[in-house]
Amino acid sequence: MKVLNLYFSSTGNTEKVAKTIDETTRELGYPVDTVKILSKDMSPDILDYDLIFVGSGVYGQLPGKKLMDLHGALLQRFVKAGEIKPASPRRPSSHVVVYCTYGGVHTGMNEAIPAVKYMGQLFDHLGFTIIGEWYVVGQYMTKKLKSHSVGGRLGDIRGRPNQADLEEVAEKVKGVIQSVDEK
């Protein structure tokens, strides 16, 4: 099984999750290509993978700009290549898990749902089966927003994602890989 772990992280929160995905996948004996999105000019050949993990932090209810730019560039490329077809026929051996890290100071996880749905759309258009949507709490890192890490709807989120959060991610990775491997 070929696994891609594609992510954008500007604060390090999503990178912690991506590293956990990478380490857990390798511990299970599967090779994984872990790629941090740096620009829209990247061209990961996502159709070559059986399982893709794609993630970003949440910025104003959306994924990071670099991920959105890459998403747009890939969408255009696949439309031109004829890979995106009406009714999005399924690719039976193509699976994706979409995840984010978020602070949710105002409305909790509801602030993160649009970002995950946005990231999943490219893969849904390509016929991937979305087998997971994960939401991982992450503290606010910038000096301007650091105060939001306490007292918001989620309470005190300083230090998150913490070890317990990352252990939960590792368990989810194990379950996903077992599920995909059985198909």
Protein backbone atom coordinates (compact mmCIF):
# COMPACT_ATOMS: atom_id res chain seq x y z
CA MET A 1 0.00 0.00 0.00
CA LYS A 2 1.34 3.45 -0.96
CA VAL A 3 0.70 6.15 1.64
CA LEU A 4 0.99 9.92 1.25
CA ASN A 5 0.97 12.24 4.25
CA LEU A 6 0.40 15.75 2.83
CA TYR A 7 0.11 18.70 5.21
CA PHE A 8 0.45 22.43 5.75
CA SER A 9 1.50 23.85 9.11
CA SER A 10 2.42 27.42 9.93
CA THR A 11 2.55 27.09 13.73
CA GLY A 12 3.77 23.53 14.28
CA ASN A 13 0.47 22.12 15.57
CA THR A 14 -0.43 20.31 12.36
CA GLU A 15 3.19 19.26 11.93
CA LYS A 16 2.98 17.39 15.25
CA VAL A 17 -0.01 15.45 13.93
CA ALA A 18 1.69 14.82 10.58
CA LYS A 19 4.79 13.47 12.34
CA THR A 20 2.61 11.16 14.43
CA ILE A 21 0.94 9.88 11.25
CA ASP A 22 4.36 9.33 9.67
CA GLU A 23 5.83 7.53 12.69
CA THR A 24 2.79 5.31 13.23
CA THR A 25 2.59 4.34 9.56
CA ARG A 26 6.28 3.41 9.54
CA GLU A 27 5.94 1.46 12.82
CA LEU A 28 3.24 -0.60 11.11
CA GLY A 29 5.71 -1.44 8.36
CA TYR A 30 4.34 0.76 5.58
CA PRO A 31 6.41 3.25 3.64
CA VAL A 32 5.00 6.77 3.68
CA ASP A 33 5.85 9.91 1.76
CA THR A 34 5.42 12.82 4.16
CA VAL A 35 5.29 16.14 2.35
CA LYS A 36 4.92 19.59 3.87
CA ILE A 37 3.17 21.93 1.45
CA LEU A 38 5.43 24.84 0.68
CA SER A 39 3.84 26.24 -2.48
CA LYS A 40 1.20 25.64 -5.13
CA ASP A 41 3.98 24.69 -7.53
CA MET A 42 4.39 21.35 -5.81
CA SER A 43 2.93 18.54 -7.82
CA PRO A 44 2.43 15.45 -5.72
CA ASP A 45 1.05 12.68 -7.91
CA ILE A 46 -1.84 11.95 -5.59
CA LEU A 47 -3.39 9.40 -7.96
CA ASP A 48 -0.43 7.09 -7.32
CA TYR A 49 -1.40 6.56 -3.67
CA ASP A 50 -3.81 4.12 -2.07
CA LEU A 51 -4.15 6.12 1.15
CA ILE A 52 -3.67 9.83 1.65
CA PHE A 53 -3.69 11.80 4.88
CA VAL A 54 -4.16 15.52 4.19
CA GLY A 55 -4.20 18.16 6.88
CA SER A 56 -3.88 21.80 7.78
CA GLY A 57 -4.43 24.21 10.57
CA VAL A 58 -7.63 26.23 10.47
CA TYR A 59 -7.39 29.91 9.66
CA GLY A 60 -10.69 31.78 9.68
CA GLN A 61 -12.66 28.53 9.12
CA LEU A 62 -10.49 27.54 6.13
CA PRO A 63 -7.27 25.59 5.62
CA GLY A 64 -3.99 27.45 5.23
CA LYS A 65 -3.53 29.55 2.09
CA LYS A 66 -0.68 27.40 0.75
CA LEU A 67 -2.89 24.31 0.96
CA MET A 68 -5.77 26.14 -0.70
CA ASP A 69 -3.44 27.34 -3.49
CA LEU A 70 -2.14 23.80 -4.05
CA HIS A 71 -5.71 22.49 -3.96
CA GLY A 72 -6.68 24.95 -6.71
CA ALA A 73 -3.64 24.12 -8.85
CA LEU A 74 -4.28 20.37 -8.56
CA LEU A 75 -7.97 20.84 -9.33
CA GLN A 76 -7.13 22.74 -12.53
CA ARG A 77 -4.56 20.11 -13.51
CA PHE A 78 -7.00 17.25 -13.05
CA VAL A 79 -9.83 19.03 -14.85
CA LYS A 80 -7.53 19.64 -17.84
CA ALA A 81 -6.37 16.01 -17.76
CA GLY A 82 -9.97 14.75 -17.73
CA GLU A 83 -9.52 13.02 -14.37
CA ILE A 84 -12.47 14.86 -12.84
CA LYS A 85 -15.67 13.59 -14.38
CA PRO A 86 -19.36 14.24 -13.79
CA ALA A 87 -20.78 12.22 -10.88
CA SER A 88 -17.24 11.58 -9.58
CA PRO A 89 -16.93 7.85 -10.28
CA ARG A 90 -15.23 6.06 -7.39
CA ARG A 91 -11.67 4.77 -7.41
CA PRO A 92 -12.16 1.65 -5.27
CA SER A 93 -8.59 1.51 -4.02
CA SER A 94 -8.19 5.24 -3.27
CA HIS A 95 -8.82 6.45 0.28
CA VAL A 96 -8.27 9.71 2.12
CA VAL A 97 -8.32 10.95 5.69
CA VAL A 98 -8.75 14.71 6.06
CA TYR A 99 -7.70 16.33 9.32
CA CYS A 100 -7.09 19.70 10.89
CA THR A 101 -5.78 21.33 14.01
CA TYR A 102 -7.95 24.12 15.38
CA GLY A 103 -8.45 26.39 18.37
CA GLY A 104 -12.19 26.98 18.11
CA VAL A 105 -12.20 29.93 20.48
CA HIS A 106 -15.69 31.04 19.42
CA THR A 107 -17.77 27.98 18.50
CA GLY A 108 -15.45 25.03 19.08
CA MET A 109 -15.17 22.34 16.43
CA ASN A 110 -17.83 24.01 14.28
CA GLU A 111 -15.17 26.54 13.25
CA ALA A 112 -13.05 23.71 11.82
CA ILE A 113 -15.69 21.81 9.86
CA PRO A 114 -15.56 24.09 6.77
CA ALA A 115 -11.77 23.64 6.50
CA VAL A 116 -12.01 19.85 6.55
CA LYS A 117 -14.87 19.82 4.05
CA TYR A 118 -12.91 22.17 1.77
CA MET A 119 -9.82 19.91 1.83
CA GLY A 120 -11.91 16.82 1.15
CA GLN A 121 -13.60 18.16 -1.97
CA LEU A 122 -10.64 17.69 -4.34
CA PHE A 123 -10.39 14.06 -3.33
CA ASP A 124 -14.14 13.51 -3.54
CA HIS A 125 -14.12 14.95 -7.07
CA LEU A 126 -11.34 12.52 -7.95
CA GLY A 127 -13.36 9.56 -6.67
CA PHE A 128 -11.44 8.90 -3.46
CA THR A 129 -13.42 7.52 -0.56
CA ILE A 130 -13.14 9.83 2.42
CA ILE A 131 -12.76 7.42 5.31
CA GLY A 132 -12.06 9.89 8.07
CA GLU A 133 -12.42 13.50 9.11
CA TRP A 134 -10.30 14.25 12.16
CA TYR A 135 -10.37 17.37 14.32
CA VAL A 136 -7.42 17.85 16.68
CA VAL A 137 -7.34 20.73 19.14
CA GLY A 138 -4.27 22.96 18.85
CA GLN A 139 -3.22 25.96 20.88
CA TYR A 140 -2.92 29.42 19.37
CA MET A 141 0.74 30.10 18.77
CA THR A 142 1.03 33.67 17.52
CA LYS A 143 1.64 36.41 20.05
CA LYS A 144 -1.47 38.25 18.82
CA LEU A 145 -3.78 35.25 19.40
CA LYS A 146 -2.07 33.43 22.28
CA SER A 147 -4.64 34.74 24.76
CA HIS A 148 -7.32 32.76 22.87
CA SER A 149 -5.75 29.55 24.20
CA VAL A 150 -7.52 30.14 27.50
CA GLY A 151 -11.11 30.99 28.18
CA GLY A 152 -12.57 30.14 24.78
CA ARG A 153 -15.33 27.62 24.22
CA LEU A 154 -12.81 24.77 24.55
CA GLY A 155 -11.35 26.04 27.82
CA ASP A 156 -7.59 25.98 28.39
CA ILE A 157 -5.97 24.49 25.27
CA ARG A 158 -2.40 25.50 26.00
CA GLY A 159 0.07 22.78 25.06
CA ARG A 160 -2.27 21.06 22.61
CA PRO A 161 -2.05 18.93 20.67
CA ASN A 162 -0.61 17.17 23.68
CA GLN A 163 0.60 13.61 24.16
CA ALA A 164 -2.92 12.28 24.72
CA ASP A 165 -4.12 13.96 21.50
CA LEU A 166 -1.22 12.47 19.55
CA GLU A 167 -1.78 9.01 21.04
CA GLU A 168 -5.39 9.22 19.87
CA VAL A 169 -4.18 10.16 16.39
CA ALA A 170 -1.80 7.17 16.39
CA GLU A 171 -4.66 4.82 17.32
CA LYS A 172 -6.81 6.25 14.54
CA VAL A 173 -3.96 5.78 12.05
CA LYS A 174 -3.66 2.13 13.10
CA GLY A 175 -7.38 1.61 12.58
CA VAL A 176 -7.42 3.32 9.19
CA ILE A 177 -4.43 1.39 7.88
CA GLN A 178 -5.87 -1.91 9.08
CA SER A 179 -9.20 -1.07 7.45
CA VAL A 180 -7.65 -0.09 4.10
CA ASP A 181 -5.24 -3.01 4.13
CA GLU A 182 -8.17 -5.45 4.53
CA LYS A 183 -9.93 -4.13 1.42
